[in-house]
Amino acid sequence: MVVTFIDDCYCITWIFLLKQKSEVFPLFEKVFRMIHTQFRKSIRHLLFDNGREYVTHDMTKFLFEQVIVHELTYMDTP
């Protein structure tokens, strides 16, 4: 499985290979901390495809705590 994080503002892309979909949330937490530490920026808005790996209880709770707006794309759109 491949996960891609794209920063549209700065045109930066991070690509990660994962063994299981359950690894997405811990990876996102690491990327979130890396962006905050290295770039001194905060994530304000996320757009996910409609994959269920992004709609877990832990992910939703984390985004709410960090005050990050998140949206899902329409079904069957990349």
PDB file of N, CA and C in Angstrom:
ATOM      1  N   MET A   1       0.844  -1.175   0.000  1.00  0.00           N
ATOM      2  CA  MET A   1       0.000   0.000   0.000  1.00  0.00           C
ATOM      3  C   MET A   1       0.888   1.236   0.000  1.00  0.00           C
ATOM      4  N   VAL A   2       0.446   2.233  -0.709  1.00  0.00           N
ATOM      5  CA  VAL A   2       1.177   3.488  -0.814  1.00  0.00           C
ATOM      6  C   VAL A   2       0.317   4.608  -0.247  1.00  0.00           C
ATOM      7  N   VAL A   3       0.931   5.453   0.570  1.00  0.00           N
ATOM      8  CA  VAL A   3       0.251   6.638   1.094  1.00  0.00           C
ATOM      9  C   VAL A   3       1.036   7.851   0.627  1.00  0.00           C
ATOM     10  N   THR A   4       0.322   8.826   0.125  1.00  0.00           N
ATOM     11  CA  THR A   4       0.948  10.043  -0.365  1.00  0.00           C
ATOM     12  C   THR A   4       0.367  11.236   0.384  1.00  0.00           C
ATOM     13  N   PHE A   5       1.245  12.065   0.922  1.00  0.00           N
ATOM     14  CA  PHE A   5       0.845  13.325   1.541  1.00  0.00           C
ATOM     15  C   PHE A   5       1.362  14.434   0.637  1.00  0.00           C
ATOM     16  N   ILE A   6       0.474  15.312   0.200  1.00  0.00           N
ATOM     17  CA  ILE A   6       0.841  16.379  -0.731  1.00  0.00           C
ATOM     18  C   ILE A   6       0.521  17.729  -0.098  1.00  0.00           C
ATOM     19  N   ASP A   7       1.514  18.594  -0.070  1.00  0.00           N
ATOM     20  CA  ASP A   7       1.324  19.958   0.403  1.00  0.00           C
ATOM     21  C   ASP A   7       1.141  20.834  -0.833  1.00  0.00           C
ATOM     22  N   ASP A   8      -0.090  21.235  -1.094  1.00  0.00           N
ATOM     23  CA  ASP A   8      -0.380  22.038  -2.283  1.00  0.00           C
ATOM     24  C   ASP A   8       0.230  23.435  -2.215  1.00  0.00           C
ATOM     25  N   CYS A   9       0.377  23.961  -1.031  1.00  0.00           N
ATOM     26  CA  CYS A   9       0.895  25.318  -0.881  1.00  0.00           C
ATOM     27  C   CYS A   9       2.370  25.407  -1.281  1.00  0.00           C
ATOM     28  N   TYR A  10       3.180  24.452  -0.823  1.00  0.00           N
ATOM     29  CA  TYR A  10       4.621  24.483  -1.077  1.00  0.00           C
ATOM     30  C   TYR A  10       5.076  23.457  -2.111  1.00  0.00           C
ATOM     31  N   CYS A  11       4.135  22.735  -2.705  1.00  0.00           N
ATOM     32  CA  CYS A  11       4.432  21.730  -3.738  1.00  0.00           C
ATOM     33  C   CYS A  11       5.443  20.688  -3.240  1.00  0.00           C
ATOM     34  N   ILE A  12       5.184  20.156  -2.071  1.00  0.00           N
ATOM     35  CA  ILE A  12       6.018  19.104  -1.494  1.00  0.00           C
ATOM     36  C   ILE A  12       5.179  17.838  -1.422  1.00  0.00           C
ATOM     37  N   THR A  13       5.799  16.708  -1.771  1.00  0.00           N
ATOM     38  CA  THR A  13       5.105  15.429  -1.721  1.00  0.00           C
ATOM     39  C   THR A  13       5.926  14.441  -0.921  1.00  0.00           C
ATOM     40  N   TRP A  14       5.262  13.724  -0.023  1.00  0.00           N
ATOM     41  CA  TRP A  14       5.878  12.640   0.738  1.00  0.00           C
ATOM     42  C   TRP A  14       5.170  11.352   0.355  1.00  0.00           C
ATOM     43  N   ILE A  15       5.945  10.336   0.022  1.00  0.00           N
ATOM     44  CA  ILE A  15       5.381   9.039  -0.364  1.00  0.00           C
ATOM     45  C   ILE A  15       5.921   7.983   0.593  1.00  0.00           C
ATOM     46  N   PHE A  16       5.019   7.157   1.117  1.00  0.00           N
ATOM     47  CA  PHE A  16       5.394   6.117   2.067  1.00  0.00           C
ATOM     48  C   PHE A  16       4.802   4.781   1.635  1.00  0.00           C
ATOM     49  N   LEU A  17       5.568   3.727   1.811  1.00  0.00           N
ATOM     50  CA  LEU A  17       5.085   2.372   1.574  1.00  0.00           C
ATOM     51  C   LEU A  17       4.688   1.759   2.904  1.00  0.00           C
ATOM     52  N   LEU A  18       3.511   1.186   2.956  1.00  0.00           N
ATOM     53  CA  LEU A  18       3.000   0.581   4.183  1.00  0.00           C
ATOM     54  C   LEU A  18       2.619  -0.868   3.927  1.00  0.00           C
ATOM     55  N   LYS A  19       2.693  -1.675   4.977  1.00  0.00           N
ATOM     56  CA  LYS A  19       2.267  -3.068   4.866  1.00  0.00           C
ATOM     57  C   LYS A  19       0.767  -3.209   5.069  1.00  0.00           C
ATOM     58  N   GLN A  20       0.205  -2.363   5.965  1.00  0.00           N
ATOM     59  CA  GLN A  20      -1.214  -2.465   6.289  1.00  0.00           C
ATOM     60  C   GLN A  20      -1.830  -1.069   6.363  1.00  0.00           C
ATOM     61  N   LYS A  21      -3.118  -1.007   6.111  1.00  0.00           N
ATOM     62  CA  LYS A  21      -3.831   0.269   6.190  1.00  0.00           C
ATOM     63  C   LYS A  21      -3.851   0.821   7.610  1.00  0.00           C
ATOM     64  N   SER A  22      -3.730  -0.041   8.582  1.00  0.00           N
ATOM     65  CA  SER A  22      -3.753   0.407   9.975  1.00  0.00           C
ATOM     66  C   SER A  22      -2.529   1.246  10.341  1.00  0.00           C
ATOM     67  N   GLU A  23      -1.527   1.294   9.485  1.00  0.00           N
ATOM     68  CA  GLU A  23      -0.324   2.081   9.740  1.00  0.00           C
ATOM     69  C   GLU A  23      -0.477   3.546   9.340  1.00  0.00           C
ATOM     70  N   VAL A  24      -1.587   3.901   8.712  1.00  0.00           N
ATOM     71  CA  VAL A  24      -1.773   5.258   8.197  1.00  0.00           C
ATOM     72  C   VAL A  24      -1.810   6.283   9.325  1.00  0.00           C
ATOM     73  N   PHE A  25      -2.588   6.034  10.371  1.00  0.00           N
ATOM     74  CA  PHE A  25      -2.706   7.034  11.440  1.00  0.00           C
ATOM     75  C   PHE A  25      -1.391   7.278  12.172  1.00  0.00           C
ATOM     76  N   PRO A  26      -0.667   6.230  12.626  1.00  0.00           N
ATOM     77  CA  PRO A  26       0.626   6.511  13.271  1.00  0.00           C
ATOM     78  C   PRO A  26       1.599   7.258  12.349  1.00  0.00           C
ATOM     79  N   LEU A  27       1.564   6.946  11.068  1.00  0.00           N
ATOM     80  CA  LEU A  27       2.418   7.642  10.112  1.00  0.00           C
ATOM     81  C   LEU A  27       2.004   9.104   9.994  1.00  0.00           C
ATOM     82  N   PHE A  28       0.705   9.363   9.929  1.00  0.00           N
ATOM     83  CA  PHE A  28       0.240  10.743   9.838  1.00  0.00           C
ATOM     84  C   PHE A  28       0.672  11.547  11.064  1.00  0.00           C
ATOM     85  N   GLU A  29       0.610  10.944  12.239  1.00  0.00           N
ATOM     86  CA  GLU A  29       1.067  11.645  13.445  1.00  0.00           C
ATOM     87  C   GLU A  29       2.535  12.041  13.321  1.00  0.00           C
ATOM     88  N   LYS A  30       3.363  11.154  12.796  1.00  0.00           N
ATOM     89  CA  LYS A  30       4.789  11.458  12.617  1.00  0.00           C
ATOM     90  C   LYS A  30       4.998  12.578  11.603  1.00  0.00           C
ATOM     91  N   VAL A  31       4.261  12.525  10.501  1.00  0.00           N
ATOM     92  CA  VAL A  31       4.378  13.567   9.481  1.00  0.00           C
ATOM     93  C   VAL A  31       3.899  14.908  10.051  1.00  0.00           C
ATOM     94  N   PHE A  32       2.825  14.881  10.821  1.00  0.00           N
ATOM     95  CA  PHE A  32       2.305  16.092  11.457  1.00  0.00           C
ATOM     96  C   PHE A  32       3.378  16.727  12.363  1.00  0.00           C
ATOM     97  N   ARG A  33       4.016  15.911  13.195  1.00  0.00           N
ATOM     98  CA  ARG A  33       5.070  16.422  14.084  1.00  0.00           C
ATOM     99  C   ARG A  33       6.277  16.925  13.290  1.00  0.00           C
ATOM    100  N   MET A  34       6.641  16.216  12.217  1.00  0.00           N
ATOM    101  CA  MET A  34       7.770  16.627  11.401  1.00  0.00           C
ATOM    102  C   MET A  34       7.515  17.997  10.761  1.00  0.00           C
ATOM    103  N   ILE A  35       6.325  18.193  10.212  1.00  0.00           N
ATOM    104  CA  ILE A  35       5.985  19.479   9.604  1.00  0.00           C
ATOM    105  C   ILE A  35       6.017  20.588  10.641  1.00  0.00           C
ATOM    106  N   HIS A  36       5.469  20.311  11.809  1.00  0.00           N
ATOM    107  CA  HIS A  36       5.454  21.307  12.882  1.00  0.00           C
ATOM    108  C   HIS A  36       6.872  21.648  13.346  1.00  0.00           C
ATOM    109  N   THR A  37       7.728  20.648  13.448  1.00  0.00           N
ATOM    110  CA  THR A  37       9.091  20.853  13.942  1.00  0.00           C
ATOM    111  C   THR A  37      10.011  21.458  12.889  1.00  0.00           C
ATOM    112  N   GLN A  38      10.038  20.887  11.702  1.00  0.00           N
ATOM    113  CA  GLN A  38      11.001  21.324  10.687  1.00  0.00           C
ATOM    114  C   GLN A  38      10.587  22.590   9.952  1.00  0.00           C
ATOM    115  N   PHE A  39       9.308  22.738   9.704  1.00  0.00           N
ATOM    116  CA  PHE A  39       8.842  23.891   8.935  1.00  0.00           C
ATOM    117  C   PHE A  39       8.180  24.963   9.797  1.00  0.00           C
ATOM    118  N   ARG A  40       7.950  24.633  11.050  1.00  0.00           N
ATOM    119  CA  ARG A  40       7.266  25.554  11.974  1.00  0.00           C
ATOM    120  C   ARG A  40       5.931  26.027  11.411  1.00  0.00           C
ATOM    121  N   LYS A  41       5.241  25.092  10.802  1.00  0.00           N
ATOM    122  CA  LYS A  41       3.922  25.347  10.231  1.00  0.00           C
ATOM    123  C   LYS A  41       2.931  24.383  10.844  1.00  0.00           C
ATOM    124  N   SER A  42       1.675  24.739  10.777  1.00  0.00           N
ATOM    125  CA  SER A  42       0.645  23.826  11.260  1.00  0.00           C
ATOM    126  C   SER A  42      -0.278  23.467  10.106  1.00  0.00           C
ATOM    127  N   ILE A  43      -0.790  22.265  10.155  1.00  0.00           N
ATOM    128  CA  ILE A  43      -1.733  21.815   9.142  1.00  0.00           C
ATOM    129  C   ILE A  43      -3.101  22.357   9.529  1.00  0.00           C
ATOM    130  N   ARG A  44      -3.777  22.978   8.599  1.00  0.00           N
ATOM    131  CA  ARG A  44      -5.087  23.560   8.897  1.00  0.00           C
ATOM    132  C   ARG A  44      -6.226  22.847   8.193  1.00  0.00           C
ATOM    133  N   HIS A  45      -5.928  22.208   7.069  1.00  0.00           N
ATOM    134  CA  HIS A  45      -6.989  21.625   6.257  1.00  0.00           C
ATOM    135  C   HIS A  45      -6.466  20.370   5.571  1.00  0.00           C
ATOM    136  N   LEU A  46      -7.245  19.305   5.593  1.00  0.00           N
ATOM    137  CA  LEU A  46      -6.887  18.055   4.929  1.00  0.00           C
ATOM    138  C   LEU A  46      -8.019  17.617   4.023  1.00  0.00           C
ATOM    139  N   LEU A  47      -7.648  17.069   2.892  1.00  0.00           N
ATOM    140  CA  LEU A  47      -8.618  16.476   1.977  1.00  0.00           C
ATOM    141  C   LEU A  47      -8.189  15.036   1.737  1.00  0.00           C
ATOM    142  N   PHE A  48      -9.057  14.096   2.099  1.00  0.00           N
ATOM    143  CA  PHE A  48      -8.773  12.674   1.962  1.00  0.00           C
ATOM    144  C   PHE A  48      -9.621  12.089   0.852  1.00  0.00           C
ATOM    145  N   ASP A  49      -9.085  11.013   0.233  1.00  0.00           N
ATOM    146  CA  ASP A  49      -9.991  10.234  -0.594  1.00  0.00           C
ATOM    147  C   ASP A  49     -10.936   9.526   0.366  1.00  0.00           C
ATOM    148  N   ASN A  50     -11.903   8.849  -0.113  1.00  0.00           N
ATOM    149  CA  ASN A  50     -12.935   8.302   0.765  1.00  0.00           C
ATOM    150  C   ASN A  50     -12.547   6.945   1.357  1.00  0.00           C
ATOM    151  N   GLY A  51     -11.232   6.683   1.466  1.00  0.00           N
ATOM    152  CA  GLY A  51     -10.765   5.429   2.046  1.00  0.00           C
ATOM    153  C   GLY A  51     -11.040   5.363   3.532  1.00  0.00           C
ATOM    154  N   ARG A  52     -11.408   4.225   4.010  1.00  0.00           N
ATOM    155  CA  ARG A  52     -11.751   4.055   5.423  1.00  0.00           C
ATOM    156  C   ARG A  52     -10.544   4.153   6.347  1.00  0.00           C
ATOM    157  N   GLU A  53      -9.329   4.053   5.819  1.00  0.00           N
ATOM    158  CA  GLU A  53      -8.152   4.181   6.672  1.00  0.00           C
ATOM    159  C   GLU A  53      -7.987   5.593   7.212  1.00  0.00           C
ATOM    160  N   TYR A  54      -8.684   6.562   6.615  1.00  0.00           N
ATOM    161  CA  TYR A  54      -8.607   7.948   7.061  1.00  0.00           C
ATOM    162  C   TYR A  54      -9.768   8.344   7.973  1.00  0.00           C
ATOM    163  N   VAL A  55     -10.722   7.476   8.164  1.00  0.00           N
ATOM    164  CA  VAL A  55     -11.923   7.828   8.914  1.00  0.00           C
ATOM    165  C   VAL A  55     -12.002   6.986  10.187  1.00  0.00           C
ATOM    166  N   THR A  56     -10.873   6.705  10.798  1.00  0.00           N
ATOM    167  CA  THR A  56     -10.873   5.936  12.037  1.00  0.00           C
ATOM    168  C   THR A  56     -11.194   6.854  13.211  1.00  0.00           C
ATOM    169  N   HIS A  57     -11.557   6.253  14.312  1.00  0.00           N
ATOM    170  CA  HIS A  57     -11.857   7.018  15.528  1.00  0.00           C
ATOM    171  C   HIS A  57     -10.617   7.793  15.983  1.00  0.00           C
ATOM    172  N   ASP A  58      -9.457   7.142  15.954  1.00  0.00           N
ATOM    173  CA  ASP A  58      -8.227   7.805  16.400  1.00  0.00           C
ATOM    174  C   ASP A  58      -7.872   8.992  15.519  1.00  0.00           C
ATOM    175  N   MET A  59      -8.012   8.831  14.213  1.00  0.00           N
ATOM    176  CA  MET A  59      -7.694   9.916  13.280  1.00  0.00           C
ATOM    177  C   MET A  59      -8.650  11.079  13.488  1.00  0.00           C
ATOM    178  N   THR A  60      -9.941  10.799  13.590  1.00  0.00           N
ATOM    179  CA  THR A  60     -10.936  11.857  13.781  1.00  0.00           C
ATOM    180  C   THR A  60     -10.698  12.599  15.091  1.00  0.00           C
ATOM    181  N   LYS A  61     -10.390  11.868  16.142  1.00  0.00           N
ATOM    182  CA  LYS A  61     -10.121  12.478  17.447  1.00  0.00           C
ATOM    183  C   LYS A  61      -8.874  13.366  17.380  1.00  0.00           C
ATOM    184  N   PHE A  62      -7.818  12.872  16.741  1.00  0.00           N
ATOM    185  CA  PHE A  62      -6.579  13.640  16.616  1.00  0.00           C
ATOM    186  C   PHE A  62      -6.819  14.938  15.843  1.00  0.00           C
ATOM    187  N   LEU A  63      -7.525  14.851  14.726  1.00  0.00           N
ATOM    188  CA  LEU A  63      -7.797  16.037  13.920  1.00  0.00           C
ATOM    189  C   LEU A  63      -8.643  17.040  14.689  1.00  0.00           C
ATOM    190  N   PHE A  64      -9.610  16.558  15.453  1.00  0.00           N
ATOM    191  CA  PHE A  64     -10.434  17.450  16.269  1.00  0.00           C
ATOM    192  C   PHE A  64      -9.580  18.147  17.326  1.00  0.00           C
ATOM    193  N   GLU A  65      -8.702  17.407  17.985  1.00  0.00           N
ATOM    194  CA  GLU A  65      -7.850  17.991  19.026  1.00  0.00           C
ATOM    195  C   GLU A  65      -6.880  19.022  18.463  1.00  0.00           C
ATOM    196  N   GLN A  66      -6.419  18.799  17.237  1.00  0.00           N
ATOM    197  CA  GLN A  66      -5.469  19.719  16.616  1.00  0.00           C
ATOM    198  C   GLN A  66      -6.165  20.843  15.835  1.00  0.00           C
ATOM    199  N   VAL A  67      -7.481  20.860  15.855  1.00  0.00           N
ATOM    200  CA  VAL A  67      -8.302  21.844  15.149  1.00  0.00           C
ATOM    201  C   VAL A  67      -7.942  21.864  13.653  1.00  0.00           C
ATOM    202  N   ILE A  68      -7.967  20.687  13.065  1.00  0.00           N
ATOM    203  CA  ILE A  68      -7.696  20.534  11.641  1.00  0.00           C
ATOM    204  C   ILE A  68      -9.014  20.188  10.944  1.00  0.00           C
ATOM    205  N   VAL A  69      -9.374  20.973   9.954  1.00  0.00           N
ATOM    206  CA  VAL A  69     -10.575  20.712   9.169  1.00  0.00           C
ATOM    207  C   VAL A  69     -10.251  19.586   8.198  1.00  0.00           C
ATOM    208  N   HIS A  70     -11.109  18.594   8.132  1.00  0.00           N
ATOM    209  CA  HIS A  70     -10.873  17.510   7.176  1.00  0.00           C
ATOM    210  C   HIS A  70     -12.130  17.219   6.385  1.00  0.00           C
ATOM    211  N   GLU A  71     -11.907  16.943   5.105  1.00  0.00           N
ATOM    212  CA  GLU A  71     -13.001  16.656   4.181  1.00  0.00           C
ATOM    213  C   GLU A  71     -12.681  15.374   3.429  1.00  0.00           C
ATOM    214  N   LEU A  72     -13.720  14.733   2.937  1.00  0.00           N
ATOM    215  CA  LEU A  72     -13.567  13.544   2.114  1.00  0.00           C
ATOM    216  C   LEU A  72     -14.020  13.854   0.697  1.00  0.00           C
ATOM    217  N   THR A  73     -13.345  13.257  -0.288  1.00  0.00           N
ATOM    218  CA  THR A  73     -13.767  13.434  -1.667  1.00  0.00           C
ATOM    219  C   THR A  73     -15.045  12.642  -1.912  1.00  0.00           C
ATOM    220  N   TYR A  74     -15.666  12.864  -3.023  1.00  0.00           N
ATOM    221  CA  TYR A  74     -16.847  12.101  -3.403  1.00  0.00           C
ATOM    222  C   TYR A  74     -16.445  10.662  -3.710  1.00  0.00           C
ATOM    223  N   MET A  75     -17.386   9.761  -3.584  1.00  0.00           N
ATOM    224  CA  MET A  75     -17.139   8.351  -3.868  1.00  0.00           C
ATOM    225  C   MET A  75     -16.630   8.179  -5.302  1.00  0.00           C
ATOM    226  N   ASP A  76     -15.725   7.231  -5.466  1.00  0.00           N
ATOM    227  CA  ASP A  76     -15.173   6.852  -6.777  1.00  0.00           C
ATOM    228  C   ASP A  76     -14.438   7.983  -7.487  1.00  0.00           C
ATOM    229  N   THR A  77     -13.857   8.907  -6.719  1.00  0.00           N
ATOM    230  CA  THR A  77     -12.989   9.917  -7.309  1.00  0.00           C
ATOM    231  C   THR A  77     -11.632   9.822  -6.618  1.00  0.00           C
ATOM    232  N   PRO A  78     -10.553   9.933  -7.350  1.00  0.00           N
ATOM    233  CA  PRO A  78      -9.209   9.817  -6.745  1.00  0.00           C
ATOM    234  C   PRO A  78      -8.858  11.040  -5.925  1.00  0.00           C
TER     235      PRO A  78
END
